[in-house]
Amino acid sequence: MPDEAGQGSGGGPPLKTLADKISWLMQHANPGGRGPLSHQDVSYLMLEVAGEKYSANAVWRLKTGEQTNPGYRVIQALAKVFGVEPGFFFDDYDEEKLGLVKEQVEVLALVRDTKITSVQFRALMKMDPEGREVFADMIRRVAIAEARAQGTSQGEDSGSS
């Protein structure tokens, strides 16, 4: 299972190098309603979020593996931009933790894409376990109902051909 942990729930190659990790984060940890972060986006965010001036070209060099040994301030800035701990970017980062970080980024992307606000999410997290289970059951029921409705409409479409 340790091999799978580095791959996260999305499959794909394991994140072993700094370039792999930056590339994956740029692809997955981005604002809702838009595609992956560009080199310019990351450069801008490093300055805005962490106060670290770093060019888009320098971000590209990190992402492509051309630059493999940035200073710790750059690592700290990247960590702030992407919401991960600085250790995430090092080669010896624990594979199990890496899998958890990837899952967290993927969950945050899903939450963001569904347009759940931070206030709504906090309210859900403040519920007692029984309340969360009731809420989860409602979500399951809606998902089942939607799947049945899609199955019915797809079945009607294929039956009319």
N, C-alpha and C. Protein backbone atom coordinates (compact mmCIF):
# COMPACT_ATOMS: atom_id res chain seq x y z
N MET A 1 0.77 -1.21 0.00
CA MET A 1 0.00 0.00 0.00
C MET A 1 0.82 1.28 0.00
N PRO A 2 2.03 1.31 0.52
CA PRO A 2 2.80 2.52 0.47
C PRO A 2 2.97 3.03 -0.94
N ASP A 3 3.07 2.14 -1.94
CA ASP A 3 3.21 2.60 -3.31
C ASP A 3 1.96 3.35 -3.75
N GLU A 4 0.80 2.88 -3.33
CA GLU A 4 -0.44 3.54 -3.70
C GLU A 4 -0.58 4.88 -3.01
N ALA A 5 -0.06 5.01 -1.81
CA ALA A 5 -0.22 6.26 -1.06
C ALA A 5 0.39 7.42 -1.81
N GLY A 6 1.50 7.22 -2.46
CA GLY A 6 2.14 8.28 -3.20
C GLY A 6 1.35 8.67 -4.43
N GLN A 7 0.47 7.79 -4.86
CA GLN A 7 -0.31 8.09 -6.05
C GLN A 7 -1.61 8.79 -5.72
N GLY A 8 -2.08 8.69 -4.49
CA GLY A 8 -3.34 9.34 -4.12
C GLY A 8 -4.50 8.62 -4.77
N SER A 9 -5.69 9.16 -4.57
CA SER A 9 -6.89 8.51 -5.09
C SER A 9 -7.07 8.71 -6.57
N GLY A 10 -6.34 9.65 -7.17
CA GLY A 10 -6.52 9.94 -8.57
C GLY A 10 -5.67 9.09 -9.48
N GLY A 11 -4.86 8.18 -8.93
CA GLY A 11 -3.98 7.39 -9.75
C GLY A 11 -2.87 8.26 -10.30
N GLY A 12 -2.32 7.83 -11.45
CA GLY A 12 -1.26 8.61 -12.04
C GLY A 12 0.08 8.26 -11.43
N PRO A 13 1.13 8.86 -11.98
CA PRO A 13 2.46 8.53 -11.47
C PRO A 13 2.67 9.07 -10.07
N PRO A 14 3.52 8.40 -9.29
CA PRO A 14 3.79 8.90 -7.94
C PRO A 14 4.54 10.23 -8.01
N LEU A 15 4.33 11.04 -6.98
CA LEU A 15 4.99 12.34 -6.92
C LEU A 15 6.31 12.18 -6.18
N LYS A 16 7.37 12.01 -6.92
CA LYS A 16 8.67 11.77 -6.32
C LYS A 16 9.54 13.03 -6.29
N THR A 17 9.54 13.79 -7.36
CA THR A 17 10.45 14.93 -7.47
C THR A 17 9.73 16.24 -7.15
N LEU A 18 10.52 17.27 -6.92
CA LEU A 18 9.97 18.60 -6.71
C LEU A 18 9.15 19.01 -7.93
N ALA A 19 9.66 18.73 -9.12
CA ALA A 19 8.94 19.07 -10.35
C ALA A 19 7.58 18.36 -10.41
N ASP A 20 7.56 17.06 -10.06
CA ASP A 20 6.30 16.30 -10.06
C ASP A 20 5.28 16.95 -9.13
N LYS A 21 5.75 17.35 -7.96
CA LYS A 21 4.85 17.88 -6.93
C LYS A 21 4.31 19.25 -7.33
N ILE A 22 5.17 20.11 -7.84
CA ILE A 22 4.72 21.44 -8.26
C ILE A 22 3.76 21.31 -9.43
N SER A 23 4.10 20.48 -10.38
CA SER A 23 3.24 20.27 -11.55
C SER A 23 1.86 19.76 -11.12
N TRP A 24 1.85 18.78 -10.22
CA TRP A 24 0.57 18.21 -9.75
C TRP A 24 -0.25 19.27 -9.01
N LEU A 25 0.39 20.04 -8.15
CA LEU A 25 -0.33 21.08 -7.41
C LEU A 25 -0.88 22.15 -8.35
N MET A 26 -0.11 22.54 -9.34
CA MET A 26 -0.58 23.55 -10.30
C MET A 26 -1.80 23.03 -11.05
N GLN A 27 -1.83 21.75 -11.30
CA GLN A 27 -2.95 21.14 -12.02
C GLN A 27 -4.20 21.01 -11.14
N HIS A 28 -4.02 20.67 -9.85
CA HIS A 28 -5.15 20.32 -9.00
C HIS A 28 -5.56 21.36 -7.97
N ALA A 29 -4.64 22.18 -7.50
CA ALA A 29 -4.96 23.16 -6.44
C ALA A 29 -5.17 24.52 -7.09
N ASN A 30 -6.30 24.66 -7.76
CA ASN A 30 -6.56 25.91 -8.46
C ASN A 30 -7.95 26.42 -8.14
N PRO A 31 -8.18 27.71 -8.37
CA PRO A 31 -9.50 28.28 -8.06
C PRO A 31 -10.61 27.61 -8.85
N GLY A 32 -11.79 27.53 -8.24
CA GLY A 32 -12.94 26.92 -8.89
C GLY A 32 -13.32 27.67 -10.16
N GLY A 33 -13.85 26.94 -11.12
CA GLY A 33 -14.33 27.55 -12.34
C GLY A 33 -13.24 27.91 -13.33
N ARG A 34 -12.03 27.44 -13.10
CA ARG A 34 -10.96 27.71 -14.05
C ARG A 34 -10.02 26.53 -14.11
N GLY A 35 -9.16 26.55 -15.06
CA GLY A 35 -8.22 25.44 -15.24
C GLY A 35 -7.02 25.55 -14.33
N PRO A 36 -5.99 24.82 -14.68
CA PRO A 36 -4.77 24.79 -13.87
C PRO A 36 -4.13 26.16 -13.73
N LEU A 37 -3.35 26.31 -12.68
CA LEU A 37 -2.61 27.55 -12.47
C LEU A 37 -1.47 27.64 -13.48
N SER A 38 -1.23 28.84 -13.96
CA SER A 38 -0.11 29.06 -14.87
C SER A 38 1.14 29.41 -14.06
N HIS A 39 2.27 29.46 -14.72
CA HIS A 39 3.51 29.87 -14.07
C HIS A 39 3.37 31.30 -13.55
N GLN A 40 2.69 32.15 -14.33
CA GLN A 40 2.46 33.54 -13.92
C GLN A 40 1.56 33.59 -12.68
N ASP A 41 0.54 32.74 -12.64
CA ASP A 41 -0.35 32.70 -11.48
C ASP A 41 0.43 32.36 -10.22
N VAL A 42 1.28 31.34 -10.30
CA VAL A 42 2.04 30.91 -9.13
C VAL A 42 3.01 32.01 -8.71
N SER A 43 3.66 32.63 -9.68
CA SER A 43 4.58 33.73 -9.38
C SER A 43 3.85 34.86 -8.65
N TYR A 44 2.69 35.23 -9.17
CA TYR A 44 1.88 36.29 -8.55
C TYR A 44 1.46 35.90 -7.13
N LEU A 45 0.99 34.67 -6.96
CA LEU A 45 0.54 34.22 -5.65
C LEU A 45 1.69 34.14 -4.64
N MET A 46 2.87 33.78 -5.11
CA MET A 46 4.02 33.74 -4.21
C MET A 46 4.30 35.13 -3.63
N LEU A 47 4.12 36.15 -4.45
CA LEU A 47 4.33 37.52 -3.97
C LEU A 47 3.18 37.96 -3.08
N GLU A 48 1.95 37.70 -3.51
CA GLU A 48 0.76 38.13 -2.77
C GLU A 48 0.59 37.41 -1.44
N VAL A 49 0.74 36.10 -1.46
CA VAL A 49 0.46 35.28 -0.28
C VAL A 49 1.66 35.21 0.67
N ALA A 50 2.86 35.15 0.10
CA ALA A 50 4.04 34.90 0.92
C ALA A 50 5.07 36.02 0.90
N GLY A 51 4.85 37.03 0.05
CA GLY A 51 5.80 38.13 -0.01
C GLY A 51 7.12 37.76 -0.65
N GLU A 52 7.16 36.68 -1.41
CA GLU A 52 8.38 36.21 -2.06
C GLU A 52 8.31 36.50 -3.55
N LYS A 53 9.20 37.36 -4.04
CA LYS A 53 9.22 37.69 -5.47
C LYS A 53 9.97 36.58 -6.20
N TYR A 54 9.28 35.95 -7.15
CA TYR A 54 9.83 34.83 -7.88
C TYR A 54 9.22 34.87 -9.27
N SER A 55 10.03 34.86 -10.29
CA SER A 55 9.53 35.05 -11.65
C SER A 55 8.76 33.83 -12.17
N ALA A 56 7.90 34.07 -13.16
CA ALA A 56 7.16 32.99 -13.79
C ALA A 56 8.13 32.01 -14.45
N ASN A 57 9.22 32.53 -15.02
CA ASN A 57 10.22 31.67 -15.64
C ASN A 57 10.89 30.77 -14.60
N ALA A 58 11.13 31.30 -13.41
CA ALA A 58 11.74 30.50 -12.34
C ALA A 58 10.77 29.41 -11.89
N VAL A 59 9.46 29.72 -11.85
CA VAL A 59 8.45 28.71 -11.52
C VAL A 59 8.47 27.62 -12.58
N TRP A 60 8.55 28.02 -13.85
CA TRP A 60 8.61 27.06 -14.95
C TRP A 60 9.81 26.13 -14.80
N ARG A 61 10.97 26.71 -14.44
CA ARG A 61 12.19 25.90 -14.26
C ARG A 61 12.00 24.87 -13.14
N LEU A 62 11.30 25.26 -12.07
CA LEU A 62 11.03 24.30 -10.99
C LEU A 62 10.07 23.20 -11.47
N LYS A 63 9.04 23.61 -12.18
CA LYS A 63 8.01 22.68 -12.64
C LYS A 63 8.57 21.67 -13.64
N THR A 64 9.52 22.09 -14.46
CA THR A 64 10.07 21.19 -15.47
C THR A 64 11.27 20.40 -14.97
N GLY A 65 11.75 20.72 -13.78
CA GLY A 65 12.88 20.00 -13.23
C GLY A 65 14.22 20.58 -13.64
N GLU A 66 14.20 21.67 -14.38
CA GLU A 66 15.45 22.33 -14.77
C GLU A 66 16.16 22.90 -13.55
N GLN A 67 15.39 23.42 -12.60
CA GLN A 67 15.91 23.90 -11.32
C GLN A 67 15.42 22.92 -10.26
N THR A 68 16.33 22.32 -9.51
CA THR A 68 15.93 21.28 -8.55
C THR A 68 16.25 21.61 -7.11
N ASN A 69 16.90 22.74 -6.86
CA ASN A 69 17.32 23.03 -5.50
C ASN A 69 17.04 24.49 -5.12
N PRO A 70 15.76 24.86 -4.99
CA PRO A 70 15.45 26.23 -4.63
C PRO A 70 15.77 26.49 -3.15
N GLY A 71 15.87 27.74 -2.79
CA GLY A 71 16.10 28.08 -1.38
C GLY A 71 14.89 27.77 -0.52
N TYR A 72 15.13 27.70 0.77
CA TYR A 72 14.04 27.36 1.69
C TYR A 72 12.94 28.42 1.67
N ARG A 73 13.27 29.69 1.45
CA ARG A 73 12.24 30.73 1.38
C ARG A 73 11.28 30.47 0.21
N VAL A 74 11.81 29.98 -0.88
CA VAL A 74 10.97 29.64 -2.04
C VAL A 74 10.06 28.47 -1.68
N ILE A 75 10.62 27.47 -1.02
CA ILE A 75 9.82 26.31 -0.59
C ILE A 75 8.71 26.77 0.36
N GLN A 76 9.04 27.65 1.30
CA GLN A 76 8.02 28.16 2.23
C GLN A 76 6.93 28.92 1.47
N ALA A 77 7.32 29.72 0.49
CA ALA A 77 6.34 30.47 -0.29
C ALA A 77 5.43 29.53 -1.08
N LEU A 78 6.00 28.52 -1.71
CA LEU A 78 5.20 27.54 -2.43
C LEU A 78 4.23 26.83 -1.49
N ALA A 79 4.71 26.48 -0.31
CA ALA A 79 3.86 25.81 0.68
C ALA A 79 2.67 26.69 1.04
N LYS A 80 2.90 27.98 1.24
CA LYS A 80 1.80 28.90 1.56
C LYS A 80 0.83 29.02 0.40
N VAL A 81 1.35 29.13 -0.80
CA VAL A 81 0.50 29.26 -1.99
C VAL A 81 -0.43 28.06 -2.13
N PHE A 82 0.12 26.87 -1.95
CA PHE A 82 -0.65 25.65 -2.19
C PHE A 82 -1.30 25.05 -0.95
N GLY A 83 -1.03 25.62 0.22
CA GLY A 83 -1.65 25.14 1.44
C GLY A 83 -1.14 23.78 1.90
N VAL A 84 0.14 23.54 1.68
CA VAL A 84 0.77 22.30 2.15
C VAL A 84 1.92 22.67 3.07
N GLU A 85 2.45 21.69 3.79
CA GLU A 85 3.59 21.98 4.64
C GLU A 85 4.86 21.98 3.78
N PRO A 86 5.87 22.76 4.15
CA PRO A 86 7.10 22.82 3.35
C PRO A 86 7.73 21.46 3.09
N GLY A 87 7.66 20.55 4.05
CA GLY A 87 8.24 19.23 3.88
C GLY A 87 7.68 18.46 2.70
N PHE A 88 6.48 18.81 2.26
CA PHE A 88 5.85 18.15 1.11
C PHE A 88 6.76 18.17 -0.11
N PHE A 89 7.55 19.22 -0.27
CA PHE A 89 8.35 19.39 -1.48
C PHE A 89 9.68 18.64 -1.45
N PHE A 90 10.04 18.05 -0.32
CA PHE A 90 11.31 17.35 -0.24
C PHE A 90 11.18 15.89 -0.65
N ASP A 91 12.29 15.34 -1.19
CA ASP A 91 12.29 13.96 -1.70
C ASP A 91 11.94 12.94 -0.64
N ASP A 92 12.33 13.19 0.61
CA ASP A 92 12.12 12.19 1.65
C ASP A 92 10.79 12.35 2.39
N TYR A 93 9.86 13.10 1.81
CA TYR A 93 8.56 13.28 2.44
C TYR A 93 7.86 11.93 2.51
N ASP A 94 7.30 11.62 3.66
CA ASP A 94 6.66 10.34 3.94
C ASP A 94 5.58 10.03 2.89
N GLU A 95 5.68 8.85 2.28
CA GLU A 95 4.74 8.44 1.23
C GLU A 95 3.29 8.41 1.72
N GLU A 96 3.08 7.99 2.95
CA GLU A 96 1.73 7.94 3.49
C GLU A 96 1.16 9.35 3.64
N LYS A 97 1.99 10.27 4.16
CA LYS A 97 1.57 11.66 4.29
C LYS A 97 1.31 12.27 2.92
N LEU A 98 2.14 11.91 1.94
CA LEU A 98 1.98 12.44 0.59
C LEU A 98 0.61 12.05 0.03
N GLY A 99 0.23 10.81 0.26
CA GLY A 99 -1.09 10.36 -0.20
C GLY A 99 -2.21 11.14 0.47
N LEU A 100 -2.05 11.42 1.78
CA LEU A 100 -3.06 12.19 2.50
C LEU A 100 -3.15 13.62 1.98
N VAL A 101 -2.00 14.23 1.72
CA VAL A 101 -2.00 15.60 1.19
C VAL A 101 -2.71 15.64 -0.16
N LYS A 102 -2.40 14.67 -1.01
CA LYS A 102 -3.05 14.63 -2.32
C LYS A 102 -4.56 14.48 -2.17
N GLU A 103 -4.98 13.62 -1.25
CA GLU A 103 -6.42 13.44 -1.03
C GLU A 103 -7.05 14.72 -0.51
N GLN A 104 -6.36 15.43 0.38
CA GLN A 104 -6.89 16.69 0.91
C GLN A 104 -7.04 17.73 -0.20
N VAL A 105 -6.06 17.83 -1.06
CA VAL A 105 -6.13 18.78 -2.17
C VAL A 105 -7.30 18.42 -3.08
N GLU A 106 -7.46 17.13 -3.35
CA GLU A 106 -8.56 16.69 -4.21
C GLU A 106 -9.91 16.97 -3.57
N VAL A 107 -10.04 16.74 -2.26
CA VAL A 107 -11.29 17.02 -1.56
C VAL A 107 -11.59 18.52 -1.59
N LEU A 108 -10.57 19.33 -1.33
CA LEU A 108 -10.78 20.79 -1.38
C LEU A 108 -11.20 21.24 -2.77
N ALA A 109 -10.63 20.62 -3.80
CA ALA A 109 -11.03 20.96 -5.16
C ALA A 109 -12.49 20.58 -5.40
N LEU A 110 -12.90 19.43 -4.90
CA LEU A 110 -14.30 19.01 -5.04
C LEU A 110 -15.24 19.96 -4.31
N VAL A 111 -14.88 20.33 -3.09
CA VAL A 111 -15.69 21.27 -2.31
C VAL A 111 -15.81 22.59 -3.05
N ARG A 112 -14.68 23.08 -3.52
CA ARG A 112 -14.65 24.34 -4.26
C ARG A 112 -15.51 24.26 -5.51
N ASP A 113 -15.41 23.17 -6.25
CA ASP A 113 -16.15 23.04 -7.51
C ASP A 113 -17.66 22.92 -7.29
N THR A 114 -18.08 22.47 -6.10
CA THR A 114 -19.50 22.37 -5.81
C THR A 114 -20.05 23.67 -5.25
N LYS A 115 -19.16 24.66 -5.10
CA LYS A 115 -19.52 26.00 -4.63
C LYS A 115 -20.04 26.00 -3.19
N ILE A 116 -19.54 25.07 -2.38
CA ILE A 116 -19.86 25.07 -0.96
C ILE A 116 -19.01 26.16 -0.32
N THR A 117 -19.65 27.05 0.41
CA THR A 117 -18.91 28.15 1.02
C THR A 117 -18.20 27.68 2.29
N SER A 118 -17.23 28.46 2.73
CA SER A 118 -16.52 28.11 3.95
C SER A 118 -17.46 28.14 5.15
N VAL A 119 -18.43 29.04 5.13
CA VAL A 119 -19.42 29.11 6.22
C VAL A 119 -20.25 27.82 6.26
N GLN A 120 -20.69 27.35 5.11
CA GLN A 120 -21.45 26.11 5.05
C GLN A 120 -20.61 24.92 5.50
N PHE A 121 -19.36 24.90 5.06
CA PHE A 121 -18.48 23.80 5.43
C PHE A 121 -18.21 23.79 6.93
N ARG A 122 -17.97 24.97 7.51
CA ARG A 122 -17.75 25.05 8.96
C ARG A 122 -18.99 24.59 9.72
N ALA A 123 -20.17 24.97 9.24
CA ALA A 123 -21.42 24.56 9.90
C ALA A 123 -21.53 23.04 9.89
N LEU A 124 -21.18 22.43 8.78
CA LEU A 124 -21.21 20.97 8.68
C LEU A 124 -20.23 20.34 9.67
N MET A 125 -19.03 20.91 9.76
CA MET A 125 -18.02 20.35 10.65
C MET A 125 -18.36 20.54 12.13
N LYS A 126 -19.18 21.52 12.44
CA LYS A 126 -19.57 21.76 13.84
C LYS A 126 -20.71 20.86 14.28
N MET A 127 -21.34 20.16 13.33
CA MET A 127 -22.41 19.24 13.69
C MET A 127 -21.85 18.09 14.52
N ASP A 128 -22.71 17.54 15.38
CA ASP A 128 -22.28 16.36 16.11
C ASP A 128 -22.27 15.18 15.13
N PRO A 129 -21.64 14.07 15.50
CA PRO A 129 -21.54 12.93 14.57
C PRO A 129 -22.89 12.46 14.04
N GLU A 130 -23.90 12.49 14.89
CA GLU A 130 -25.24 12.06 14.45
C GLU A 130 -25.78 13.00 13.38
N GLY A 131 -25.61 14.29 13.57
CA GLY A 131 -26.06 15.27 12.58
C GLY A 131 -25.33 15.12 11.26
N ARG A 132 -24.02 14.87 11.31
CA ARG A 132 -23.25 14.67 10.08
C ARG A 132 -23.72 13.41 9.36
N GLU A 133 -24.06 12.37 10.13
CA GLU A 133 -24.54 11.13 9.51
C GLU A 133 -25.89 11.35 8.82
N VAL A 134 -26.77 12.12 9.45
CA VAL A 134 -28.06 12.44 8.82
C VAL A 134 -27.82 13.22 7.52
N PHE A 135 -26.91 14.18 7.59
CA PHE A 135 -26.58 14.98 6.41
C PHE A 135 -25.99 14.10 5.31
N ALA A 136 -25.06 13.21 5.67
CA ALA A 136 -24.45 12.30 4.70
C ALA A 136 -25.50 11.38 4.08
N ASP A 137 -26.47 10.93 4.89
CA ASP A 137 -27.54 10.08 4.38
C ASP A 137 -28.40 10.84 3.37
N MET A 138 -28.67 12.11 3.64
CA MET A 138 -29.43 12.93 2.68
C MET A 138 -28.67 13.04 1.36
N ILE A 139 -27.37 13.25 1.43
CA ILE A 139 -26.55 13.36 0.22
C ILE A 139 -26.60 12.05 -0.56
N ARG A 140 -26.48 10.92 0.15
CA ARG A 140 -26.55 9.61 -0.52
C ARG A 140 -27.89 9.43 -1.22
N ARG A 141 -28.97 9.81 -0.55
CA ARG A 141 -30.31 9.65 -1.15
C ARG A 141 -30.48 10.51 -2.39
N VAL A 142 -29.98 11.74 -2.33
CA VAL A 142 -30.07 12.62 -3.51
C VAL A 142 -29.23 12.06 -4.64
N ALA A 143 -28.03 11.56 -4.33
CA ALA A 143 -27.16 10.99 -5.36
C ALA A 143 -27.82 9.78 -6.02
N ILE A 144 -28.45 8.93 -5.21
CA ILE A 144 -29.15 7.76 -5.76
C ILE A 144 -30.32 8.19 -6.65
N ALA A 145 -31.07 9.17 -6.18
CA ALA A 145 -32.21 9.66 -6.96
C ALA A 145 -31.74 10.27 -8.29
N GLU A 146 -30.65 11.03 -8.25
CA GLU A 146 -30.13 11.62 -9.49
C GLU A 146 -29.61 10.54 -10.43
N ALA A 147 -28.94 9.53 -9.89
CA ALA A 147 -28.43 8.44 -10.73
C ALA A 147 -29.58 7.69 -11.38
N ARG A 148 -30.65 7.46 -10.63
CA ARG A 148 -31.82 6.78 -11.20
C ARG A 148 -32.46 7.63 -12.29
N ALA A 149 -32.58 8.93 -12.03
CA ALA A 149 -33.18 9.83 -13.02
C ALA A 149 -32.34 9.86 -14.30
N GLN A 150 -31.03 9.87 -14.16
CA GLN A 150 -30.16 9.86 -15.34
C GLN A 150 -30.26 8.52 -16.05
N GLY A 151 -30.33 7.45 -15.28
CA GLY A 151 -30.47 6.12 -15.87
C GLY A 151 -31.77 5.98 -16.63
N THR A 152 -32.84 6.55 -16.08
CA THR A 152 -34.15 6.51 -16.73
C THR A 152 -34.12 7.30 -18.02
N SER A 153 -33.57 8.51 -17.98
CA SER A 153 -33.54 9.33 -19.19
C SER A 153 -32.60 8.73 -20.23
N GLN A 154 -31.51 8.10 -19.80
CA GLN A 154 -30.62 7.45 -20.74
C GLN A 154 -31.28 6.22 -21.33
N GLY A 155 -32.02 5.50 -20.50
CA GLY A 155 -32.73 4.33 -20.98
C GLY A 155 -33.79 4.70 -22.01
N GLU A 156 -34.49 5.82 -21.78
CA GLU A 156 -35.49 6.29 -22.73
C GLU A 156 -34.83 6.67 -24.04
N ASP A 157 -33.65 7.33 -23.96
CA ASP A 157 -32.94 7.75 -25.16
C ASP A 157 -32.52 6.55 -25.98
N SER A 158 -32.00 5.51 -25.32
CA SER A 158 -31.52 4.36 -26.06
C SER A 158 -32.68 3.51 -26.57
N GLY A 159 -33.83 3.55 -25.90
CA GLY A 159 -34.99 2.79 -26.34
C GLY A 159 -35.68 3.40 -27.54
N SER A 160 -35.50 4.71 -27.76
CA SER A 160 -36.19 5.38 -28.86
C SER A 160 -35.40 5.31 -30.14
N SER A 161 -34.19 4.75 -30.15
CA SER A 161 -33.39 4.71 -31.38
C SER A 161 -33.83 3.60 -32.27
